[in-house]
Amino acid sequence: MYDFTKPKQKTLPVKLKNGKVIVLLPPNGYVLEAISEMQSADEAEAVKNIYSVFQQLLNQNKSGFKISRNDILSYDVEEIQDFIANEYMDFVLSIQKDPN
């Protein structure tokens, strides 16, 4: 029997600007949907939404630590884009490619 209450999950450790390390969990449908919407939006709308998407994916962490909007406003758009496009999407793709 597969137990959805205790899934084996890959994780992604991330060190925030304040020095705190959080361990991100695989994205849920809401996060994937938000990333997809951001990618298909026009440039002005994507920049507006990127902070919200970044906050959502950071808040999906193992310890349940909550990241506020003010916490993420210290990051610039390029940092966030680089993280999502490279580290985070590599993490997501590694989960999708794993047969287990």
C-alpha atoms as a PDB file:
ATOM      1  CA  MET A   1       0.000   0.000   0.000  1.00  0.00           C
ATOM      2  CA  TYR A   2       1.281   3.446  -0.890  1.00  0.00           C
ATOM      3  CA  ASP A   3       1.024   5.803   2.061  1.00  0.00           C
ATOM      4  CA  PHE A   4       0.472   9.414   0.938  1.00  0.00           C
ATOM      5  CA  THR A   5       1.011  10.586   4.522  1.00  0.00           C
ATOM      6  CA  LYS A   6       4.679   9.521   4.431  1.00  0.00           C
ATOM      7  CA  PRO A   7       5.974  10.012   0.912  1.00  0.00           C
ATOM      8  CA  LYS A   8       9.659   9.729   0.080  1.00  0.00           C
ATOM      9  CA  GLN A   9      10.570  13.192  -1.079  1.00  0.00           C
ATOM     10  CA  LYS A  10      13.584  14.687  -2.726  1.00  0.00           C
ATOM     11  CA  THR A  11      14.570  18.007  -1.237  1.00  0.00           C
ATOM     12  CA  LEU A  12      16.564  21.090  -2.201  1.00  0.00           C
ATOM     13  CA  PRO A  13      18.543  22.900   0.518  1.00  0.00           C
ATOM     14  CA  VAL A  14      18.630  26.678  -0.003  1.00  0.00           C
ATOM     15  CA  LYS A  15      20.584  29.298   1.941  1.00  0.00           C
ATOM     16  CA  LEU A  16      18.686  32.579   2.170  1.00  0.00           C
ATOM     17  CA  LYS A  17      20.285  36.030   2.262  1.00  0.00           C
ATOM     18  CA  ASN A  18      19.795  36.190   6.026  1.00  0.00           C
ATOM     19  CA  GLY A  19      21.919  33.031   6.397  1.00  0.00           C
ATOM     20  CA  LYS A  20      19.011  30.737   7.270  1.00  0.00           C
ATOM     21  CA  VAL A  21      19.028  27.398   5.463  1.00  0.00           C
ATOM     22  CA  ILE A  22      15.665  25.970   4.468  1.00  0.00           C
ATOM     23  CA  VAL A  23      14.997  22.647   2.781  1.00  0.00           C
ATOM     24  CA  LEU A  24      12.539  22.961  -0.080  1.00  0.00           C
ATOM     25  CA  LEU A  25      10.065  20.200  -0.786  1.00  0.00           C
ATOM     26  CA  PRO A  26       8.895  19.166  -4.244  1.00  0.00           C
ATOM     27  CA  PRO A  27       6.418  21.669  -5.672  1.00  0.00           C
ATOM     28  CA  ASN A  28       2.714  21.078  -5.346  1.00  0.00           C
ATOM     29  CA  GLY A  29       0.232  21.815  -8.106  1.00  0.00           C
ATOM     30  CA  TYR A  30      -0.260  25.408  -6.977  1.00  0.00           C
ATOM     31  CA  VAL A  31       3.443  26.213  -7.292  1.00  0.00           C
ATOM     32  CA  LEU A  32       3.763  24.507 -10.685  1.00  0.00           C
ATOM     33  CA  GLU A  33       0.676  26.326 -11.921  1.00  0.00           C
ATOM     34  CA  ALA A  34       2.038  29.677 -10.707  1.00  0.00           C
ATOM     35  CA  ILE A  35       5.383  29.056 -12.449  1.00  0.00           C
ATOM     36  CA  SER A  36       3.591  28.108 -15.658  1.00  0.00           C
ATOM     37  CA  GLU A  37       1.430  31.246 -15.535  1.00  0.00           C
ATOM     38  CA  MET A  38       4.488  33.390 -14.876  1.00  0.00           C
ATOM     39  CA  GLN A  39       6.339  31.871 -17.844  1.00  0.00           C
ATOM     40  CA  SER A  40       3.431  32.473 -20.210  1.00  0.00           C
ATOM     41  CA  ALA A  41       2.723  36.044 -19.027  1.00  0.00           C
ATOM     42  CA  ASP A  42       3.980  39.113 -20.823  1.00  0.00           C
ATOM     43  CA  GLU A  43       7.175  40.642 -19.456  1.00  0.00           C
ATOM     44  CA  ALA A  44       5.578  43.294 -17.236  1.00  0.00           C
ATOM     45  CA  GLU A  45       3.162  40.803 -15.691  1.00  0.00           C
ATOM     46  CA  ALA A  46       5.905  38.183 -15.209  1.00  0.00           C
ATOM     47  CA  VAL A  47       8.089  40.627 -13.275  1.00  0.00           C
ATOM     48  CA  LYS A  48       5.099  41.534 -11.126  1.00  0.00           C
ATOM     49  CA  ASN A  49       4.349  37.859 -10.379  1.00  0.00           C
ATOM     50  CA  ILE A  50       7.888  36.594  -9.873  1.00  0.00           C
ATOM     51  CA  TYR A  51       8.029  37.694  -6.236  1.00  0.00           C
ATOM     52  CA  SER A  52       4.768  35.913  -5.478  1.00  0.00           C
ATOM     53  CA  VAL A  53       5.966  32.708  -7.158  1.00  0.00           C
ATOM     54  CA  PHE A  54       9.306  32.933  -5.338  1.00  0.00           C
ATOM     55  CA  GLN A  55       7.524  33.341  -2.014  1.00  0.00           C
ATOM     56  CA  GLN A  56       5.253  30.362  -2.738  1.00  0.00           C
ATOM     57  CA  LEU A  57       8.077  28.006  -3.585  1.00  0.00           C
ATOM     58  CA  LEU A  58      10.205  29.106  -0.609  1.00  0.00           C
ATOM     59  CA  ASN A  59       7.249  28.628   1.729  1.00  0.00           C
ATOM     60  CA  GLN A  60       6.991  25.017   0.638  1.00  0.00           C
ATOM     61  CA  ASN A  61       9.791  23.926   2.931  1.00  0.00           C
ATOM     62  CA  LYS A  62      10.344  20.980   5.246  1.00  0.00           C
ATOM     63  CA  SER A  63      10.299  22.901   8.536  1.00  0.00           C
ATOM     64  CA  GLY A  64       7.176  24.922   7.722  1.00  0.00           C
ATOM     65  CA  PHE A  65       9.159  28.167   8.092  1.00  0.00           C
ATOM     66  CA  LYS A  66       7.170  31.021   6.556  1.00  0.00           C
ATOM     67  CA  ILE A  67       8.819  33.579   4.312  1.00  0.00           C
ATOM     68  CA  SER A  68       7.056  36.944   4.250  1.00  0.00           C
ATOM     69  CA  ARG A  69       6.686  39.231   1.251  1.00  0.00           C
ATOM     70  CA  ASN A  70       9.055  41.677   2.969  1.00  0.00           C
ATOM     71  CA  ASP A  71      11.675  38.916   3.304  1.00  0.00           C
ATOM     72  CA  ILE A  72      11.767  38.307  -0.436  1.00  0.00           C
ATOM     73  CA  LEU A  73      11.765  41.956  -1.502  1.00  0.00           C
ATOM     74  CA  SER A  74      15.495  42.114  -0.691  1.00  0.00           C
ATOM     75  CA  TYR A  75      16.155  39.805  -3.661  1.00  0.00           C
ATOM     76  CA  ASP A  76      16.474  41.341  -7.096  1.00  0.00           C
ATOM     77  CA  VAL A  77      14.601  40.008 -10.104  1.00  0.00           C
ATOM     78  CA  GLU A  78      17.745  38.602 -11.740  1.00  0.00           C
ATOM     79  CA  GLU A  79      18.604  36.549  -8.648  1.00  0.00           C
ATOM     80  CA  ILE A  80      15.108  35.125  -8.516  1.00  0.00           C
ATOM     81  CA  GLN A  81      14.992  34.380 -12.252  1.00  0.00           C
ATOM     82  CA  ASP A  82      18.373  32.656 -12.076  1.00  0.00           C
ATOM     83  CA  PHE A  83      17.317  30.537  -9.105  1.00  0.00           C
ATOM     84  CA  ILE A  84      13.977  29.491 -10.608  1.00  0.00           C
ATOM     85  CA  ALA A  85      15.306  28.878 -14.136  1.00  0.00           C
ATOM     86  CA  ASN A  86      18.356  26.931 -13.031  1.00  0.00           C
ATOM     87  CA  GLU A  87      18.436  25.455  -9.538  1.00  0.00           C
ATOM     88  CA  TYR A  88      14.720  25.071  -8.935  1.00  0.00           C
ATOM     89  CA  MET A  89      13.751  23.788 -12.380  1.00  0.00           C
ATOM     90  CA  ASP A  90      16.693  21.339 -12.313  1.00  0.00           C
ATOM     91  CA  PHE A  91      15.308  20.112  -8.983  1.00  0.00           C
ATOM     92  CA  VAL A  92      11.806  19.734 -10.458  1.00  0.00           C
ATOM     93  CA  LEU A  93      13.112  17.935 -13.560  1.00  0.00           C
ATOM     94  CA  SER A  94      15.186  15.537 -11.442  1.00  0.00           C
ATOM     95  CA  ILE A  95      12.013  14.565  -9.593  1.00  0.00           C
ATOM     96  CA  GLN A  96      10.107  14.013 -12.826  1.00  0.00           C
ATOM     97  CA  LYS A  97      12.912  11.865 -14.284  1.00  0.00           C
ATOM     98  CA  ASP A  98      13.215   9.682 -11.182  1.00  0.00           C
ATOM     99  CA  PRO A  99      11.178   6.483 -11.689  1.00  0.00           C
ATOM    100  CA  ASN A 100      10.756   6.078  -7.932  1.00  0.00           C
END
